[in-house]
Amino acid sequence: MWIGGSVVFVSDRNDRLNLYRADPAGGDGVEQLTAHDPYDVRWPSTDHVSRVVYELNGGLRVFDLASRT
């Protein structure tokens, strides 16, 4: 998902699906945004401004890129 100048995506690189951010220009590398365990981040969607909504263990969560919460 494109949000501002970043790509936000889900990856299981640490054995659980979590949100990550990458700078397509390659400046910052990859940053892990969430650290949920034992449940996976599922079905993320964005408002294309700063927020990502996703399902976690049957509930909805919102992650705001601007505040990192």
C-alpha atoms as a PDB file:
ATOM      1  CA  MET A   1       0.000   0.000   0.000  1.00  0.00           C
ATOM      2  CA  TRP A   2       1.332   3.475  -0.843  1.00  0.00           C
ATOM      3  CA  ILE A   3       1.087   5.957   2.022  1.00  0.00           C
ATOM      4  CA  GLY A   4       2.834   9.239   1.381  1.00  0.00           C
ATOM      5  CA  GLY A   5       6.295   8.366   0.117  1.00  0.00           C
ATOM      6  CA  SER A   6       6.363   4.918   1.726  1.00  0.00           C
ATOM      7  CA  VAL A   7       5.235   1.422   0.891  1.00  0.00           C
ATOM      8  CA  VAL A   8       3.515  -0.358   3.791  1.00  0.00           C
ATOM      9  CA  PHE A   9       3.191  -4.120   3.556  1.00  0.00           C
ATOM     10  CA  VAL A  10       2.670  -7.316   5.564  1.00  0.00           C
ATOM     11  CA  SER A  11       5.516  -9.801   5.914  1.00  0.00           C
ATOM     12  CA  ASP A  12       6.219 -12.905   7.978  1.00  0.00           C
ATOM     13  CA  ARG A  13       9.982 -12.361   8.055  1.00  0.00           C
ATOM     14  CA  ASN A  14       9.934 -12.929  11.850  1.00  0.00           C
ATOM     15  CA  ASP A  15       7.542 -15.938  11.757  1.00  0.00           C
ATOM     16  CA  ARG A  16       4.422 -13.779  12.304  1.00  0.00           C
ATOM     17  CA  LEU A  17       2.641 -11.506   9.837  1.00  0.00           C
ATOM     18  CA  ASN A  18       3.270  -7.895  10.882  1.00  0.00           C
ATOM     19  CA  LEU A  19       3.235  -4.463   9.241  1.00  0.00           C
ATOM     20  CA  TYR A  20       6.429  -3.097   7.715  1.00  0.00           C
ATOM     21  CA  ARG A  21       7.367   0.132   5.955  1.00  0.00           C
ATOM     22  CA  ALA A  22       9.881   0.608   3.166  1.00  0.00           C
ATOM     23  CA  ASP A  23      11.205   3.658   1.364  1.00  0.00           C
ATOM     24  CA  PRO A  24      11.046   2.845  -2.368  1.00  0.00           C
ATOM     25  CA  ALA A  25      14.031   5.140  -2.931  1.00  0.00           C
ATOM     26  CA  GLY A  26      16.017   2.835  -0.662  1.00  0.00           C
ATOM     27  CA  GLY A  27      16.891   5.450   1.939  1.00  0.00           C
ATOM     28  CA  ASP A  28      15.666   3.907   5.200  1.00  0.00           C
ATOM     29  CA  GLY A  29      15.627   0.205   4.385  1.00  0.00           C
ATOM     30  CA  VAL A  30      12.750  -1.754   5.938  1.00  0.00           C
ATOM     31  CA  GLU A  31      11.183  -0.796   9.279  1.00  0.00           C
ATOM     32  CA  GLN A  32       8.960  -3.147  11.300  1.00  0.00           C
ATOM     33  CA  LEU A  33       5.891  -1.209  12.463  1.00  0.00           C
ATOM     34  CA  THR A  34       4.030  -3.800  14.558  1.00  0.00           C
ATOM     35  CA  ALA A  35       5.204  -6.720  16.681  1.00  0.00           C
ATOM     36  CA  HIS A  36       2.084  -8.813  17.259  1.00  0.00           C
ATOM     37  CA  ASP A  37       2.535 -12.311  18.633  1.00  0.00           C
ATOM     38  CA  PRO A  38       0.998 -14.921  18.601  1.00  0.00           C
ATOM     39  CA  TYR A  39      -1.557 -13.565  16.085  1.00  0.00           C
ATOM     40  CA  ASP A  40      -0.959 -12.443  12.503  1.00  0.00           C
ATOM     41  CA  VAL A  41      -1.851  -9.087  10.945  1.00  0.00           C
ATOM     42  CA  ARG A  42      -4.495  -9.812   8.303  1.00  0.00           C
ATOM     43  CA  TRP A  43      -6.332  -7.890   5.564  1.00  0.00           C
ATOM     44  CA  PRO A  44      -4.650  -4.455   5.832  1.00  0.00           C
ATOM     45  CA  SER A  45      -6.180  -1.458   4.104  1.00  0.00           C
ATOM     46  CA  THR A  46      -5.285   2.241   4.124  1.00  0.00           C
ATOM     47  CA  ASP A  47      -6.921   5.654   4.026  1.00  0.00           C
ATOM     48  CA  HIS A  48      -3.959   6.775   1.808  1.00  0.00           C
ATOM     49  CA  VAL A  49      -3.101   9.525   4.292  1.00  0.00           C
ATOM     50  CA  SER A  50      -1.512   7.984   7.406  1.00  0.00           C
ATOM     51  CA  ARG A  51      -3.613   5.114   8.765  1.00  0.00           C
ATOM     52  CA  VAL A  52      -3.747   1.378   8.183  1.00  0.00           C
ATOM     53  CA  VAL A  53      -6.659  -0.683   9.451  1.00  0.00           C
ATOM     54  CA  TYR A  54      -6.168  -4.439   9.812  1.00  0.00           C
ATOM     55  CA  GLU A  55      -7.650  -7.522  11.442  1.00  0.00           C
ATOM     56  CA  LEU A  56      -5.900  -9.090  14.423  1.00  0.00           C
ATOM     57  CA  ASN A  57      -7.363 -12.094  16.258  1.00  0.00           C
ATOM     58  CA  GLY A  58     -10.909 -11.326  15.082  1.00  0.00           C
ATOM     59  CA  GLY A  59     -10.840  -7.585  15.898  1.00  0.00           C
ATOM     60  CA  LEU A  60      -9.982  -4.458  13.960  1.00  0.00           C
ATOM     61  CA  ARG A  61      -6.902  -2.383  14.777  1.00  0.00           C
ATOM     62  CA  VAL A  62      -5.715   0.953  13.405  1.00  0.00           C
ATOM     63  CA  PHE A  63      -2.055   1.863  12.993  1.00  0.00           C
ATOM     64  CA  ASP A  64      -1.202   5.521  12.397  1.00  0.00           C
ATOM     65  CA  LEU A  65       2.093   6.062  10.569  1.00  0.00           C
ATOM     66  CA  ALA A  66       2.322   9.686  11.695  1.00  0.00           C
ATOM     67  CA  SER A  67       2.307   8.823  15.430  1.00  0.00           C
ATOM     68  CA  ARG A  68       3.692   5.253  15.043  1.00  0.00           C
ATOM     69  CA  THR A  69       0.823   3.907  17.193  1.00  0.00           C
END
